[in-house]
Protein backbone atom coordinates (compact mmCIF):
# COMPACT_ATOMS: atom_id res chain seq x y z
CA MET A 1 -27.52 -16.16 -3.49
CA ASN A 2 -28.73 -12.77 -4.61
CA THR A 3 -27.44 -9.37 -3.58
CA HIS A 4 -30.14 -8.97 -0.82
CA ASP A 5 -28.98 -12.29 0.82
CA GLU A 6 -25.39 -11.24 0.61
CA GLN A 7 -26.12 -7.86 2.17
CA ARG A 8 -28.04 -9.60 4.96
CA LEU A 9 -25.08 -11.89 5.64
CA LEU A 10 -22.60 -8.97 5.50
CA ARG A 11 -24.73 -7.10 7.98
CA ARG A 12 -24.55 -10.15 10.34
CA ALA A 13 -20.78 -10.11 9.99
CA VAL A 14 -20.82 -6.40 11.04
CA GLU A 15 -23.04 -7.32 14.02
CA LEU A 16 -20.42 -9.94 15.01
CA SER A 17 -17.72 -7.26 14.77
CA GLU A 18 -19.79 -5.17 17.23
CA ALA A 19 -19.96 -8.15 19.53
CA ALA A 20 -16.17 -8.39 19.39
CA VAL A 21 -15.81 -4.78 20.48
CA ALA A 22 -18.35 -5.33 23.25
CA SER A 23 -16.29 -8.22 24.51
CA GLY A 24 -13.06 -6.15 24.51
CA ASN A 25 -11.64 -7.34 21.26
CA PRO A 26 -10.80 -5.82 17.88
CA PRO A 27 -13.82 -5.13 15.64
CA PHE A 28 -13.93 -8.09 13.29
CA GLY A 29 -16.66 -10.66 12.65
CA SER A 30 -17.20 -13.40 10.11
CA LEU A 31 -19.58 -16.15 9.21
CA LEU A 32 -19.58 -19.10 6.80
CA ALA A 33 -22.70 -19.70 4.69
CA GLY A 34 -23.75 -22.61 2.47
CA PRO A 35 -24.84 -22.06 -1.09
CA ASP A 36 -28.46 -21.42 -0.05
CA GLY A 37 -27.44 -18.73 2.50
CA THR A 38 -27.75 -21.01 5.55
CA VAL A 39 -25.24 -19.88 8.21
CA LEU A 40 -23.05 -22.88 9.02
CA ALA A 41 -20.82 -21.16 11.58
CA GLU A 42 -19.98 -17.69 12.82
CA ASP A 43 -17.38 -16.07 15.10
CA HIS A 44 -15.72 -12.77 15.99
CA ASN A 45 -12.26 -11.72 16.92
CA THR A 46 -11.15 -12.94 20.36
CA SER A 47 -7.46 -12.14 20.04
CA ILE A 48 -7.36 -10.05 23.26
CA THR A 49 -9.66 -12.10 25.53
CA ASP A 50 -8.06 -15.39 24.36
CA GLY A 51 -4.49 -13.93 24.53
CA ASP A 52 -3.98 -15.41 21.07
CA ILE A 53 -2.83 -13.23 18.17
CA THR A 54 -4.26 -15.72 15.68
CA ALA A 55 -7.78 -15.63 17.06
CA HIS A 56 -9.19 -13.82 13.97
CA PRO A 57 -12.70 -14.97 12.98
CA GLU A 58 -11.67 -15.78 9.36
CA LEU A 59 -8.89 -18.08 10.60
CA LYS A 60 -11.11 -19.74 13.30
CA LEU A 61 -13.79 -20.39 10.64
CA ALA A 62 -11.26 -21.79 8.15
CA ARG A 63 -10.07 -24.19 10.86
CA TRP A 64 -13.64 -25.11 11.67
CA ALA A 65 -14.42 -25.87 8.03
CA ALA A 66 -11.28 -28.02 7.64
CA ARG A 67 -12.41 -30.14 10.66
CA GLU A 68 -16.14 -30.25 10.06
CA LEU A 69 -16.75 -30.10 6.24
CA ASP A 70 -15.78 -32.40 3.44
CA ALA A 71 -13.98 -30.82 0.46
CA ALA A 72 -17.04 -30.50 -1.78
CA THR A 73 -19.09 -28.86 0.94
CA ALA A 74 -16.30 -26.44 1.80
CA ALA A 75 -15.89 -25.47 -1.83
CA ALA A 76 -19.64 -24.52 -1.97
CA THR A 77 -19.37 -22.15 0.96
CA THR A 78 -18.96 -18.35 1.12
CA MET A 79 -17.32 -16.52 4.04
CA PHE A 80 -18.86 -13.17 4.77
CA THR A 81 -16.61 -10.95 6.82
CA SER A 82 -16.75 -7.44 8.15
CA CYS A 83 -13.37 -6.52 6.75
CA GLU A 84 -11.05 -7.81 4.03
CA PRO A 85 -8.92 -10.60 5.57
CA CYS A 86 -5.47 -9.75 6.73
CA GLY A 87 -2.40 -11.43 5.28
CA MET A 88 -2.40 -14.17 7.89
CA CYS A 89 -6.05 -14.98 7.27
CA ALA A 90 -5.75 -14.65 3.52
CA GLY A 91 -2.97 -17.28 3.65
CA ALA A 92 -5.15 -19.70 5.63
CA LEU A 93 -8.14 -19.00 3.32
CA ALA A 94 -6.05 -19.81 0.25
CA ARG A 95 -5.36 -23.22 1.78
CA SER A 96 -8.82 -23.84 3.25
CA GLY A 97 -10.69 -25.00 0.16
CA LEU A 98 -13.57 -22.50 0.89
CA GLY A 99 -15.47 -21.26 -2.23
CA ARG A 100 -15.12 -17.54 -1.81
CA VAL A 101 -14.93 -14.55 0.53
CA VAL A 102 -17.15 -11.42 0.50
CA PHE A 103 -16.15 -8.50 2.71
CA ALA A 104 -17.98 -5.32 3.81
CA MET A 105 -14.82 -3.05 4.10
CA SER A 106 -11.52 -3.17 2.30
CA SER A 107 -8.06 -3.07 4.02
CA GLU A 108 -7.51 0.35 2.57
CA GLN A 109 -10.78 1.66 4.07
CA LEU A 110 -9.85 0.07 7.40
CA THR A 111 -6.40 1.70 7.37
CA ALA A 112 -7.97 5.11 6.61
CA LEU A 113 -10.21 4.80 9.74
CA LYS A 114 -7.49 3.74 12.12
CA PRO A 115 -5.39 6.31 14.00
CA ALA A 116 -1.86 6.91 12.71
CA GLY A 117 0.70 4.48 14.15
CA SER A 118 -1.88 1.75 14.93
CA GLY A 119 -0.56 -0.66 12.33
CA PHE A 120 1.99 -3.46 12.62
CA GLU A 121 5.61 -3.08 11.57
CA PRO A 122 7.03 -5.85 9.42
CA VAL A 123 9.53 -8.18 11.08
CA PRO A 124 12.94 -8.00 9.38
CA GLN A 125 13.74 -11.21 7.43
CA SER A 126 16.82 -12.58 5.81
CA GLY A 127 17.42 -15.61 3.54
CA PRO A 128 17.61 -17.93 1.77
CA ALA A 129 20.65 -19.28 3.69
CA LEU A 130 20.52 -23.11 3.41
CA PHE A 131 18.68 -23.91 0.21
CA ASP A 132 20.27 -27.33 -0.42
CA GLU A 133 19.55 -28.58 3.09
CA ALA A 134 16.04 -27.03 3.19
CA ARG A 135 14.94 -28.46 -0.14
CA ARG A 136 15.44 -32.09 0.83
CA PRO A 137 12.31 -32.45 3.07
CA ILE A 138 10.31 -30.35 0.55
CA GLU A 139 11.30 -32.63 -2.33
CA SER A 140 10.70 -35.70 -0.20
CA PHE A 141 7.15 -34.49 0.64
CA TYR A 142 6.18 -33.42 -2.81
CA GLY A 143 8.35 -35.89 -4.80
């Protein structure tokens, strides 16, 4: 794909983010394109209307690709998204087998546009606490 095609697909992702806002959801949209620029699937954030904190378009499209595409086809795709994927989505994308991600806005740019205090606070964590017990199923799976 050339830069013109990528800009066209990024603009479509931004249009999907506008559709998310129009439906009462946060402003994020994404699409998955094949190597020739054909749109295979598209979606927008529905976390509010679905009552599902994981209903981000990047995550929904990664799940779709895992169900509908073989590994070689998935590896040849590009996800175009209105904003850099969040940590949850980035983790899913790392496991998805998709070829690459192109985003219109960085996380830093997003943060600069949001009002103060609109971010998420990290949940306190502690551990490791039971390494010997927890490692047995891991070793069994990967062994």
